[in-house]
């Protein structure tokens, strides 16, 4: 099991190149997000940065809002993956999926878990509805009263424990860092992990040492899971 790594909030070509050098599998570009966040790019700036990403690295456009806005951003930037990261209902996702059919662009739907959640939300049922509407993967992120994403705070991973029964990839985000990602991977066993704030400095530029430490921690956790799986298979 190789857990993939997405480094999100890329705003600079040098940062993008460095993250690729350090082993990122995917880069996320926040494009005209409907709420003010430090990583927001215009569609023109995002398209320019995304064109510089080398082959075999997945380019993810992180967007939010209404159907036409999302489709316009997809057309302007041509991402490999479109990540719907706001309060889009199933109807919006379904329309976007239909309109993007045949383009090669895959769709991730983010579900944002309040860090104060009490576990009443049936996340597996909600995730299945979005998969049925056309999502290719489900991402779980944290949110707070002050910030809709990029909170730097993990949510209670146990509240999404049933989602490992989903047949689509599950991506984990929200407060991950080089120090806790091993535990997160062993508890959730996601297809990929997504990080932003913990691998950057105060000016929101990516820090090479932190990116390297995060990627290495993910690779080590993946190797441990592989070892556990092999040992189970032998018995």
Foldseek 3Di string as FASTA:
>chain_A
DAAAEEEELDQDLVLLVLLVVLPHQEYEQEEPAVDDDLSYDHLVSLLVSVVPRDPRRFYEYEYEDAQVVQVVSCVSRVGLEYEHQDPDDLVSLLVNQVVCPPSNYAYEYEDEAEQPDPLPDPVLVRVVSNVVSGHQEYEYEYDYPVGSGPPLADHDLVSNQVNVPDPHFYEYEYNDFLVCVLVVCVRRVGNYYYYADRQPDPSRRGHSVRSNSNSVSSRVSVVVVVVVVVVVVVD
